[in-house]
Amino acid sequence: MKIRSADLFPDNWIYIHDSKVQVGRVQNFRSWSPEMVPDPELACVGLEYFCFEGDGLWTSSDEDLIALATKEMAILGLCDPKDVVGGAVVRQEKAYPVYDDDYAAHVETMREELEARYPSLHMVGRNGMHRYNNQDHAMMTAMLTVRNIVAGERLYDIWGVNEDAEYHESGTEGEQAALASVREVPARLGKAA
């Protein structure tokens, strides 16, 4: 959404936990980089709605989704609807991997099969690895894969890069910690006795 405002808030994003709205996260693109929003009179934000292909949100018209986003920004107190000057809708299929009780085993099966059959195929990033990683971690898997390709061998286990690691703030020591980290997997709680 484009909004008449120098800036709406200083954060890169805000996670929304409010039952009055459907939006899950609001990104402030200028906080990522001023070059992303070169007009100083406009703020540009992205509202993320989590849904499944074919459900009510997914099948809503672009106009209805922009109207919903405008209404919800007002409910959240982030902008006045009269300041909204435009918007665009991007539907991203399968943007987030779905985790279930067996996802780790399924991903490992896929990984073993692909690495055995196609040794020159390198799976990187969120969709390539079928794992949720923040963008910086997804990029780290690609950068380390390039190092592996240049070296002609797998020096780095990119599957060890974890969204909880702090490698990007601590130089090469953090990179090694990221590579050695263990991915925690949510577990279903048993029934109380």
N, C-alpha and C. Protein backbone atom coordinates (compact mmCIF):
# COMPACT_ATOMS: atom_id res chain seq x y z
N MET A 1 0.83 -1.17 0.00
CA MET A 1 0.00 0.00 0.00
C MET A 1 0.88 1.24 0.00
N LYS A 2 0.46 2.23 -0.75
CA LYS A 2 1.13 3.52 -0.73
C LYS A 2 0.27 4.46 0.11
N ILE A 3 0.91 5.14 1.04
CA ILE A 3 0.21 5.99 2.00
C ILE A 3 0.91 7.33 2.08
N ARG A 4 0.13 8.42 2.01
CA ARG A 4 0.71 9.75 2.17
C ARG A 4 1.23 9.91 3.59
N SER A 5 2.54 9.79 3.73
CA SER A 5 3.18 9.90 5.04
C SER A 5 4.68 9.80 4.82
N ALA A 6 5.44 10.57 5.59
CA ALA A 6 6.90 10.47 5.49
C ALA A 6 7.34 9.07 5.93
N ASP A 7 6.75 8.57 6.97
CA ASP A 7 6.99 7.21 7.45
C ASP A 7 5.93 6.89 8.49
N LEU A 8 5.56 5.64 8.58
CA LEU A 8 4.50 5.24 9.50
C LEU A 8 5.03 4.74 10.83
N PHE A 9 6.10 3.99 10.79
CA PHE A 9 6.72 3.47 12.01
C PHE A 9 8.15 3.06 11.67
N PRO A 10 9.04 3.04 12.66
CA PRO A 10 10.47 2.82 12.37
C PRO A 10 10.87 1.36 12.19
N ASP A 11 10.00 0.43 12.53
CA ASP A 11 10.34 -0.98 12.47
C ASP A 11 10.31 -1.52 11.04
N ASN A 12 11.06 -2.60 10.78
CA ASN A 12 10.98 -3.27 9.49
C ASN A 12 9.63 -3.93 9.31
N TRP A 13 9.14 -4.54 10.37
CA TRP A 13 7.82 -5.14 10.32
C TRP A 13 7.21 -5.19 11.70
N ILE A 14 5.92 -5.34 11.71
CA ILE A 14 5.18 -5.50 12.96
C ILE A 14 4.33 -6.76 12.81
N TYR A 15 4.49 -7.67 13.75
CA TYR A 15 3.62 -8.85 13.78
C TYR A 15 2.33 -8.45 14.49
N ILE A 16 1.22 -8.85 13.91
CA ILE A 16 -0.08 -8.44 14.43
C ILE A 16 -0.74 -9.63 15.12
N HIS A 17 -1.14 -9.41 16.36
CA HIS A 17 -1.86 -10.44 17.12
C HIS A 17 -3.11 -9.76 17.69
N ASP A 18 -4.07 -9.52 16.83
CA ASP A 18 -5.28 -8.81 17.24
C ASP A 18 -6.46 -9.48 16.54
N SER A 19 -7.40 -9.97 17.31
CA SER A 19 -8.53 -10.70 16.75
C SER A 19 -9.47 -9.81 15.93
N LYS A 20 -9.28 -8.49 15.99
CA LYS A 20 -10.15 -7.58 15.22
C LYS A 20 -9.75 -7.50 13.75
N VAL A 21 -8.57 -8.05 13.41
CA VAL A 21 -8.08 -7.97 12.03
C VAL A 21 -7.59 -9.34 11.58
N GLN A 22 -7.45 -9.49 10.26
CA GLN A 22 -6.94 -10.73 9.68
C GLN A 22 -5.47 -10.65 9.31
N VAL A 23 -4.93 -9.44 9.18
CA VAL A 23 -3.54 -9.27 8.77
C VAL A 23 -2.62 -9.91 9.81
N GLY A 24 -1.55 -10.56 9.33
CA GLY A 24 -0.62 -11.22 10.23
C GLY A 24 0.66 -10.44 10.45
N ARG A 25 1.06 -9.66 9.45
CA ARG A 25 2.30 -8.89 9.57
C ARG A 25 2.22 -7.70 8.64
N VAL A 26 2.79 -6.58 9.08
CA VAL A 26 2.88 -5.37 8.26
C VAL A 26 4.36 -5.04 8.11
N GLN A 27 4.82 -4.95 6.86
CA GLN A 27 6.21 -4.60 6.57
C GLN A 27 6.30 -3.14 6.18
N ASN A 28 7.32 -2.47 6.65
CA ASN A 28 7.59 -1.09 6.31
C ASN A 28 8.83 -1.08 5.40
N PHE A 29 8.60 -0.91 4.11
CA PHE A 29 9.69 -1.07 3.15
C PHE A 29 10.78 -0.01 3.28
N ARG A 30 10.45 1.19 3.67
CA ARG A 30 11.48 2.23 3.84
C ARG A 30 12.46 1.85 4.95
N SER A 31 11.97 1.14 5.97
CA SER A 31 12.87 0.73 7.05
C SER A 31 13.85 -0.35 6.59
N TRP A 32 13.48 -1.12 5.57
CA TRP A 32 14.43 -2.07 5.01
C TRP A 32 15.50 -1.33 4.25
N SER A 33 15.07 -0.36 3.44
CA SER A 33 16.02 0.45 2.68
C SER A 33 15.29 1.68 2.15
N PRO A 34 15.83 2.87 2.36
CA PRO A 34 15.19 4.08 1.83
C PRO A 34 15.05 4.04 0.30
N GLU A 35 15.93 3.29 -0.37
CA GLU A 35 15.85 3.19 -1.83
C GLU A 35 14.61 2.45 -2.30
N MET A 36 13.99 1.69 -1.40
CA MET A 36 12.79 0.95 -1.79
C MET A 36 11.58 1.88 -1.94
N VAL A 37 11.64 3.04 -1.30
CA VAL A 37 10.53 4.01 -1.37
C VAL A 37 11.16 5.39 -1.59
N PRO A 38 11.52 5.71 -2.83
CA PRO A 38 12.27 6.93 -3.09
C PRO A 38 11.46 8.22 -2.93
N ASP A 39 10.14 8.16 -2.91
CA ASP A 39 9.32 9.37 -2.75
C ASP A 39 9.19 9.69 -1.27
N PRO A 40 9.78 10.79 -0.80
CA PRO A 40 9.75 11.12 0.63
C PRO A 40 8.35 11.46 1.16
N GLU A 41 7.41 11.67 0.25
CA GLU A 41 6.03 12.00 0.66
C GLU A 41 5.18 10.75 0.87
N LEU A 42 5.71 9.60 0.47
CA LEU A 42 4.92 8.37 0.56
C LEU A 42 5.60 7.33 1.44
N ALA A 43 4.78 6.64 2.20
CA ALA A 43 5.22 5.43 2.89
C ALA A 43 4.69 4.26 2.08
N CYS A 44 5.41 3.18 2.10
CA CYS A 44 4.97 1.99 1.38
C CYS A 44 5.08 0.80 2.32
N VAL A 45 3.95 0.15 2.54
CA VAL A 45 3.91 -0.99 3.45
C VAL A 45 3.30 -2.19 2.75
N GLY A 46 3.67 -3.35 3.22
CA GLY A 46 3.08 -4.59 2.73
C GLY A 46 2.35 -5.27 3.87
N LEU A 47 1.11 -5.59 3.62
CA LEU A 47 0.32 -6.31 4.62
C LEU A 47 0.27 -7.77 4.19
N GLU A 48 0.64 -8.64 5.10
CA GLU A 48 0.67 -10.07 4.78
C GLU A 48 -0.53 -10.76 5.42
N TYR A 49 -1.26 -11.45 4.56
CA TYR A 49 -2.40 -12.24 4.99
C TYR A 49 -2.08 -13.69 4.73
N PHE A 50 -2.24 -14.53 5.73
CA PHE A 50 -1.90 -15.93 5.61
C PHE A 50 -3.16 -16.72 5.30
N CYS A 51 -3.10 -17.46 4.21
CA CYS A 51 -4.28 -18.20 3.77
C CYS A 51 -3.83 -19.40 2.94
N PHE A 52 -4.80 -20.14 2.44
CA PHE A 52 -4.53 -21.26 1.56
C PHE A 52 -5.10 -20.96 0.19
N GLU A 53 -4.46 -21.49 -0.83
CA GLU A 53 -4.97 -21.31 -2.19
C GLU A 53 -6.42 -21.77 -2.25
N GLY A 54 -7.28 -20.92 -2.80
CA GLY A 54 -8.67 -21.28 -2.97
C GLY A 54 -9.59 -20.85 -1.84
N ASP A 55 -9.04 -20.39 -0.72
CA ASP A 55 -9.94 -19.97 0.37
C ASP A 55 -10.47 -18.56 0.11
N GLY A 56 -11.26 -18.04 1.03
CA GLY A 56 -11.92 -16.76 0.84
C GLY A 56 -10.97 -15.60 0.60
N LEU A 57 -9.90 -15.52 1.35
CA LEU A 57 -8.93 -14.44 1.13
C LEU A 57 -8.27 -14.60 -0.23
N TRP A 58 -7.84 -15.80 -0.55
CA TRP A 58 -7.14 -16.05 -1.80
C TRP A 58 -7.99 -15.67 -3.01
N THR A 59 -9.27 -15.96 -2.94
CA THR A 59 -10.14 -15.74 -4.10
C THR A 59 -10.77 -14.35 -4.11
N SER A 60 -10.53 -13.54 -3.09
CA SER A 60 -11.07 -12.17 -3.09
C SER A 60 -10.46 -11.37 -4.22
N SER A 61 -11.20 -10.39 -4.71
CA SER A 61 -10.67 -9.53 -5.77
C SER A 61 -9.57 -8.64 -5.20
N ASP A 62 -8.70 -8.16 -6.09
CA ASP A 62 -7.65 -7.23 -5.66
C ASP A 62 -8.26 -6.02 -4.97
N GLU A 63 -9.33 -5.49 -5.54
CA GLU A 63 -9.97 -4.30 -4.97
C GLU A 63 -10.48 -4.57 -3.56
N ASP A 64 -11.08 -5.75 -3.35
CA ASP A 64 -11.57 -6.09 -2.01
C ASP A 64 -10.43 -6.26 -1.02
N LEU A 65 -9.32 -6.82 -1.47
CA LEU A 65 -8.18 -7.00 -0.57
C LEU A 65 -7.54 -5.66 -0.21
N ILE A 66 -7.45 -4.76 -1.16
CA ILE A 66 -6.90 -3.42 -0.86
C ILE A 66 -7.83 -2.69 0.09
N ALA A 67 -9.13 -2.83 -0.09
CA ALA A 67 -10.10 -2.22 0.83
C ALA A 67 -9.97 -2.82 2.23
N LEU A 68 -9.80 -4.14 2.32
CA LEU A 68 -9.62 -4.79 3.61
C LEU A 68 -8.35 -4.28 4.29
N ALA A 69 -7.26 -4.19 3.53
CA ALA A 69 -5.99 -3.71 4.09
C ALA A 69 -6.12 -2.27 4.59
N THR A 70 -6.81 -1.44 3.81
CA THR A 70 -7.03 -0.04 4.21
C THR A 70 -7.82 0.02 5.51
N LYS A 71 -8.88 -0.74 5.59
CA LYS A 71 -9.73 -0.78 6.79
C LYS A 71 -8.93 -1.27 8.00
N GLU A 72 -8.13 -2.32 7.80
CA GLU A 72 -7.39 -2.88 8.93
C GLU A 72 -6.25 -1.98 9.38
N MET A 73 -5.63 -1.25 8.47
CA MET A 73 -4.61 -0.27 8.89
C MET A 73 -5.24 0.78 9.79
N ALA A 74 -6.47 1.18 9.49
CA ALA A 74 -7.18 2.16 10.33
C ALA A 74 -7.52 1.55 11.68
N ILE A 75 -8.03 0.32 11.69
CA ILE A 75 -8.36 -0.35 12.96
C ILE A 75 -7.13 -0.43 13.86
N LEU A 76 -5.99 -0.70 13.26
CA LEU A 76 -4.74 -0.83 14.03
C LEU A 76 -4.16 0.53 14.41
N GLY A 77 -4.73 1.61 13.89
CA GLY A 77 -4.23 2.94 14.20
C GLY A 77 -2.94 3.28 13.48
N LEU A 78 -2.66 2.60 12.36
CA LEU A 78 -1.41 2.84 11.64
C LEU A 78 -1.53 3.89 10.56
N CYS A 79 -2.75 4.18 10.10
CA CYS A 79 -2.93 5.25 9.13
C CYS A 79 -4.41 5.62 9.02
N ASP A 80 -4.64 6.77 8.47
CA ASP A 80 -6.00 7.24 8.18
C ASP A 80 -6.33 6.76 6.76
N PRO A 81 -7.48 6.12 6.56
CA PRO A 81 -7.82 5.62 5.22
C PRO A 81 -7.76 6.67 4.12
N LYS A 82 -8.01 7.93 4.44
CA LYS A 82 -7.97 8.96 3.41
C LYS A 82 -6.56 9.21 2.89
N ASP A 83 -5.55 8.74 3.64
CA ASP A 83 -4.16 8.92 3.21
C ASP A 83 -3.66 7.80 2.29
N VAL A 84 -4.46 6.75 2.12
CA VAL A 84 -4.08 5.65 1.23
C VAL A 84 -4.26 6.11 -0.20
N VAL A 85 -3.19 6.01 -0.99
CA VAL A 85 -3.24 6.48 -2.38
C VAL A 85 -3.14 5.35 -3.40
N GLY A 86 -3.04 4.13 -2.94
CA GLY A 86 -2.99 3.02 -3.88
C GLY A 86 -2.48 1.75 -3.24
N GLY A 87 -2.62 0.69 -3.99
CA GLY A 87 -2.15 -0.59 -3.49
C GLY A 87 -2.06 -1.59 -4.62
N ALA A 88 -1.41 -2.66 -4.34
CA ALA A 88 -1.28 -3.77 -5.29
C ALA A 88 -1.34 -5.06 -4.50
N VAL A 89 -1.77 -6.11 -5.16
CA VAL A 89 -1.90 -7.42 -4.51
C VAL A 89 -0.96 -8.41 -5.19
N VAL A 90 -0.23 -9.14 -4.37
CA VAL A 90 0.62 -10.23 -4.86
C VAL A 90 0.18 -11.48 -4.12
N ARG A 91 -0.24 -12.47 -4.86
CA ARG A 91 -0.59 -13.75 -4.25
C ARG A 91 0.62 -14.68 -4.43
N GLN A 92 1.22 -15.05 -3.33
CA GLN A 92 2.41 -15.89 -3.37
C GLN A 92 2.03 -17.31 -2.98
N GLU A 93 2.01 -18.19 -3.97
CA GLU A 93 1.69 -19.59 -3.70
C GLU A 93 2.77 -20.23 -2.85
N LYS A 94 2.35 -20.99 -1.89
CA LYS A 94 3.27 -21.80 -1.08
C LYS A 94 4.43 -20.97 -0.52
N ALA A 95 4.10 -19.80 -0.01
CA ALA A 95 5.13 -18.90 0.51
C ALA A 95 5.80 -19.46 1.75
N TYR A 96 5.09 -20.23 2.53
CA TYR A 96 5.64 -20.80 3.76
C TYR A 96 5.46 -22.31 3.73
N PRO A 97 6.52 -23.04 4.04
CA PRO A 97 6.36 -24.49 4.15
C PRO A 97 5.40 -24.81 5.30
N VAL A 98 4.66 -25.88 5.15
CA VAL A 98 3.73 -26.31 6.19
C VAL A 98 4.44 -27.36 7.03
N TYR A 99 4.52 -27.10 8.33
CA TYR A 99 5.15 -28.04 9.24
C TYR A 99 4.07 -28.94 9.86
N ASP A 100 4.36 -30.22 9.89
CA ASP A 100 3.50 -31.16 10.59
C ASP A 100 4.41 -32.13 11.34
N ASP A 101 3.82 -33.14 11.96
CA ASP A 101 4.61 -34.07 12.77
C ASP A 101 5.70 -34.79 11.97
N ASP A 102 5.48 -34.99 10.68
CA ASP A 102 6.40 -35.79 9.88
C ASP A 102 7.24 -34.98 8.90
N TYR A 103 7.18 -33.65 8.98
CA TYR A 103 7.85 -32.84 7.95
C TYR A 103 9.36 -33.12 7.89
N ALA A 104 10.02 -33.25 9.03
CA ALA A 104 11.48 -33.43 9.04
C ALA A 104 11.86 -34.71 8.30
N ALA A 105 11.11 -35.78 8.53
CA ALA A 105 11.40 -37.05 7.85
C ALA A 105 11.15 -36.92 6.35
N HIS A 106 10.08 -36.22 5.97
CA HIS A 106 9.78 -36.05 4.55
C HIS A 106 10.85 -35.21 3.86
N VAL A 107 11.29 -34.15 4.51
CA VAL A 107 12.33 -33.30 3.92
C VAL A 107 13.63 -34.08 3.80
N GLU A 108 13.96 -34.87 4.81
CA GLU A 108 15.19 -35.66 4.75
C GLU A 108 15.13 -36.70 3.62
N THR A 109 13.99 -37.31 3.42
CA THR A 109 13.82 -38.26 2.32
C THR A 109 14.02 -37.57 0.97
N MET A 110 13.40 -36.40 0.83
CA MET A 110 13.54 -35.62 -0.40
C MET A 110 15.00 -35.23 -0.62
N ARG A 111 15.63 -34.76 0.43
CA ARG A 111 17.03 -34.32 0.33
C ARG A 111 17.94 -35.47 -0.09
N GLU A 112 17.82 -36.61 0.58
CA GLU A 112 18.67 -37.76 0.27
C GLU A 112 18.47 -38.21 -1.19
N GLU A 113 17.23 -38.28 -1.61
CA GLU A 113 16.93 -38.71 -2.98
C GLU A 113 17.53 -37.76 -4.01
N LEU A 114 17.29 -36.46 -3.82
CA LEU A 114 17.79 -35.48 -4.78
C LEU A 114 19.30 -35.41 -4.79
N GLU A 115 19.94 -35.45 -3.63
CA GLU A 115 21.40 -35.38 -3.58
C GLU A 115 22.03 -36.63 -4.20
N ALA A 116 21.39 -37.80 -4.04
CA ALA A 116 21.92 -39.03 -4.62
C ALA A 116 21.74 -39.05 -6.14
N ARG A 117 20.60 -38.64 -6.62
CA ARG A 117 20.31 -38.71 -8.05
C ARG A 117 20.90 -37.55 -8.84
N TYR A 118 20.99 -36.38 -8.21
CA TYR A 118 21.44 -35.16 -8.90
C TYR A 118 22.49 -34.45 -8.04
N PRO A 119 23.70 -34.97 -7.98
CA PRO A 119 24.70 -34.39 -7.09
C PRO A 119 25.08 -32.94 -7.41
N SER A 120 24.81 -32.48 -8.61
CA SER A 120 25.14 -31.09 -8.93
C SER A 120 23.95 -30.15 -8.69
N LEU A 121 22.83 -30.69 -8.21
CA LEU A 121 21.68 -29.87 -7.86
C LEU A 121 21.86 -29.38 -6.43
N HIS A 122 21.72 -28.09 -6.24
CA HIS A 122 21.88 -27.50 -4.91
C HIS A 122 20.57 -26.83 -4.51
N MET A 123 20.00 -27.29 -3.42
CA MET A 123 18.74 -26.74 -2.93
C MET A 123 19.05 -25.64 -1.91
N VAL A 124 18.54 -24.45 -2.18
CA VAL A 124 18.79 -23.33 -1.28
C VAL A 124 17.50 -22.56 -1.05
N GLY A 125 17.51 -21.77 -0.01
CA GLY A 125 16.39 -20.88 0.26
C GLY A 125 15.16 -21.59 0.81
N ARG A 126 14.14 -20.79 1.05
CA ARG A 126 12.93 -21.26 1.70
C ARG A 126 12.23 -22.36 0.88
N ASN A 127 11.94 -22.09 -0.36
CA ASN A 127 11.22 -23.08 -1.16
C ASN A 127 12.13 -24.19 -1.65
N GLY A 128 13.39 -23.89 -1.91
CA GLY A 128 14.30 -24.92 -2.37
C GLY A 128 14.58 -25.97 -1.32
N MET A 129 14.58 -25.56 -0.06
CA MET A 129 14.86 -26.49 1.03
C MET A 129 13.58 -26.94 1.74
N HIS A 130 12.47 -26.39 1.35
CA HIS A 130 11.18 -26.72 1.96
C HIS A 130 11.22 -26.51 3.47
N ARG A 131 11.82 -25.39 3.87
CA ARG A 131 11.93 -25.04 5.29
C ARG A 131 11.69 -23.55 5.43
N TYR A 132 11.16 -23.18 6.56
CA TYR A 132 11.00 -21.77 6.82
C TYR A 132 12.34 -21.24 7.32
N ASN A 133 12.86 -20.25 6.63
CA ASN A 133 14.05 -19.52 7.05
C ASN A 133 13.77 -18.05 6.81
N ASN A 134 14.30 -17.19 7.64
CA ASN A 134 14.22 -15.77 7.36
C ASN A 134 15.03 -15.49 6.10
N GLN A 135 14.77 -14.35 5.48
CA GLN A 135 15.42 -14.03 4.21
C GLN A 135 16.94 -14.04 4.34
N ASP A 136 17.48 -13.51 5.43
CA ASP A 136 18.93 -13.48 5.56
C ASP A 136 19.50 -14.89 5.67
N HIS A 137 18.80 -15.79 6.32
CA HIS A 137 19.26 -17.17 6.39
C HIS A 137 19.12 -17.87 5.04
N ALA A 138 18.04 -17.59 4.32
CA ALA A 138 17.87 -18.16 2.99
C ALA A 138 19.02 -17.71 2.09
N MET A 139 19.39 -16.43 2.19
CA MET A 139 20.51 -15.92 1.39
C MET A 139 21.83 -16.56 1.82
N MET A 140 21.99 -16.81 3.12
CA MET A 140 23.22 -17.46 3.59
C MET A 140 23.35 -18.86 3.01
N THR A 141 22.23 -19.59 2.88
CA THR A 141 22.32 -20.93 2.28
C THR A 141 22.83 -20.81 0.84
N ALA A 142 22.41 -19.78 0.13
CA ALA A 142 22.87 -19.59 -1.25
C ALA A 142 24.35 -19.20 -1.29
N MET A 143 24.76 -18.30 -0.40
CA MET A 143 26.16 -17.86 -0.40
C MET A 143 27.10 -19.01 -0.06
N LEU A 144 26.71 -19.83 0.91
CA LEU A 144 27.55 -20.96 1.28
C LEU A 144 27.55 -22.02 0.18
N THR A 145 26.44 -22.15 -0.52
CA THR A 145 26.38 -23.09 -1.65
C THR A 145 27.33 -22.65 -2.75
N VAL A 146 27.41 -21.36 -3.01
CA VAL A 146 28.36 -20.85 -4.00
C VAL A 146 29.78 -21.24 -3.59
N ARG A 147 30.10 -21.10 -2.32
CA ARG A 147 31.43 -21.50 -1.84
C ARG A 147 31.66 -23.00 -2.08
N ASN A 148 30.62 -23.81 -1.83
CA ASN A 148 30.73 -25.25 -2.07
C ASN A 148 30.99 -25.53 -3.55
N ILE A 149 30.28 -24.84 -4.42
CA ILE A 149 30.44 -25.06 -5.86
C ILE A 149 31.84 -24.66 -6.31
N VAL A 150 32.31 -23.50 -5.87
CA VAL A 150 33.65 -23.04 -6.24
C VAL A 150 34.71 -24.02 -5.73
N ALA A 151 34.52 -24.56 -4.52
CA ALA A 151 35.49 -25.50 -3.96
C ALA A 151 35.40 -26.88 -4.61
N GLY A 152 34.29 -27.17 -5.27
CA GLY A 152 34.12 -28.47 -5.88
C GLY A 152 33.76 -29.56 -4.89
N GLU A 153 33.39 -29.17 -3.70
CA GLU A 153 32.96 -30.13 -2.67
C GLU A 153 32.08 -29.41 -1.65
N ARG A 154 31.36 -30.18 -0.88
CA ARG A 154 30.46 -29.60 0.11
C ARG A 154 31.22 -29.32 1.41
N LEU A 155 31.86 -28.15 1.46
CA LEU A 155 32.58 -27.73 2.65
C LEU A 155 31.62 -27.33 3.76
N TYR A 156 30.50 -26.76 3.37
CA TYR A 156 29.52 -26.25 4.32
C TYR A 156 28.23 -27.06 4.22
N ASP A 157 27.72 -27.42 5.36
CA ASP A 157 26.42 -28.07 5.41
C ASP A 157 25.36 -26.98 5.52
N ILE A 158 24.78 -26.61 4.39
CA ILE A 158 23.81 -25.50 4.41
C ILE A 158 22.56 -25.85 5.19
N TRP A 159 22.32 -27.14 5.41
CA TRP A 159 21.13 -27.55 6.17
C TRP A 159 21.28 -27.21 7.65
N GLY A 160 22.48 -26.80 8.07
CA GLY A 160 22.69 -26.39 9.45
C GLY A 160 22.39 -24.92 9.68
N VAL A 161 22.17 -24.17 8.62
CA VAL A 161 21.85 -22.76 8.79
C VAL A 161 20.45 -22.67 9.39
N ASN A 162 20.34 -22.03 10.52
CA ASN A 162 19.11 -22.03 11.30
C ASN A 162 18.61 -20.61 11.50
N GLU A 163 17.32 -20.42 11.47
CA GLU A 163 16.76 -19.09 11.65
C GLU A 163 17.01 -18.50 13.02
N ASP A 164 17.44 -19.32 13.99
CA ASP A 164 17.71 -18.81 15.33
C ASP A 164 19.15 -18.37 15.54
N ALA A 165 20.02 -18.66 14.58
CA ALA A 165 21.44 -18.32 14.74
C ALA A 165 21.67 -16.83 14.55
N GLU A 166 22.77 -16.33 15.08
CA GLU A 166 23.09 -14.90 15.02
C GLU A 166 24.27 -14.63 14.11
N TYR A 167 24.50 -15.47 13.09
CA TYR A 167 25.71 -15.35 12.29
C TYR A 167 25.86 -13.99 11.64
N HIS A 168 24.79 -13.34 11.26
CA HIS A 168 24.88 -12.10 10.50
C HIS A 168 25.35 -10.93 11.35
N GLU A 169 25.36 -11.11 12.66
CA GLU A 169 25.79 -10.02 13.53
C GLU A 169 27.17 -10.27 14.13
N SER A 170 27.74 -11.45 13.92
CA SER A 170 28.96 -11.75 14.63
C SER A 170 30.10 -12.27 13.76
N GLY A 171 30.07 -11.98 12.48
CA GLY A 171 31.18 -12.35 11.62
C GLY A 171 31.28 -13.85 11.37
N THR A 172 32.50 -14.34 11.12
CA THR A 172 32.66 -15.75 10.75
C THR A 172 32.39 -16.69 11.91
N GLU A 173 32.59 -16.23 13.15
CA GLU A 173 32.29 -17.11 14.28
C GLU A 173 30.80 -17.45 14.27
N GLY A 174 29.98 -16.45 14.00
CA GLY A 174 28.53 -16.68 13.94
C GLY A 174 28.15 -17.56 12.77
N GLU A 175 28.87 -17.40 11.66
CA GLU A 175 28.61 -18.25 10.49
C GLU A 175 28.82 -19.70 10.87
N GLN A 176 29.92 -19.98 11.56
CA GLN A 176 30.18 -21.35 11.99
C GLN A 176 29.12 -21.83 12.98
N ALA A 177 28.68 -20.95 13.87
CA ALA A 177 27.61 -21.33 14.81
C ALA A 177 26.34 -21.64 14.05
N ALA A 178 26.06 -20.86 13.02
CA ALA A 178 24.85 -21.12 12.23
C ALA A 178 24.94 -22.48 11.57
N LEU A 179 26.10 -22.83 11.09
CA LEU A 179 26.26 -24.10 10.41
C LEU A 179 26.20 -25.27 11.38
N ALA A 180 26.53 -25.04 12.63
CA ALA A 180 26.53 -26.12 13.62
C ALA A 180 25.22 -26.19 14.39
N SER A 181 24.32 -25.26 14.14
CA SER A 181 23.10 -25.21 14.95
C SER A 181 22.18 -26.37 14.64
N VAL A 182 21.36 -26.69 15.60
CA VAL A 182 20.38 -27.77 15.46
C VAL A 182 19.01 -27.14 15.33
N ARG A 183 18.26 -27.53 14.34
CA ARG A 183 16.92 -26.98 14.11
C ARG A 183 15.96 -27.62 15.10
N GLU A 184 15.34 -26.81 15.93
CA GLU A 184 14.34 -27.28 16.86
C GLU A 184 13.04 -27.53 16.11
N VAL A 185 12.40 -28.63 16.41
CA VAL A 185 11.17 -29.01 15.74
C VAL A 185 10.04 -28.99 16.76
N PRO A 186 8.95 -28.28 16.45
CA PRO A 186 7.82 -28.30 17.38
C PRO A 186 7.30 -29.72 17.55
N ALA A 187 6.92 -30.08 18.76
CA ALA A 187 6.40 -31.41 19.02
C ALA A 187 4.97 -31.29 19.54
N ARG A 188 4.14 -32.23 19.15
CA ARG A 188 2.76 -32.26 19.62
C ARG A 188 2.76 -32.68 21.09
N LEU A 189 2.03 -31.97 21.92
CA LEU A 189 1.94 -32.31 23.33
C LEU A 189 1.01 -33.51 23.50
N GLY A 190 1.38 -34.38 24.42
CA GLY A 190 0.52 -35.54 24.71
C GLY A 190 -0.66 -35.12 25.57
N LYS A 191 -1.65 -35.97 25.63
CA LYS A 191 -2.83 -35.70 26.45
C LYS A 191 -2.47 -35.84 27.91
N ALA A 192 -3.08 -34.99 28.74
CA ALA A 192 -2.84 -35.06 30.18
C ALA A 192 -3.39 -36.37 30.75
N ALA A 193 -2.69 -36.90 31.72
CA ALA A 193 -3.12 -38.18 32.31
C ALA A 193 -4.31 -38.00 33.22
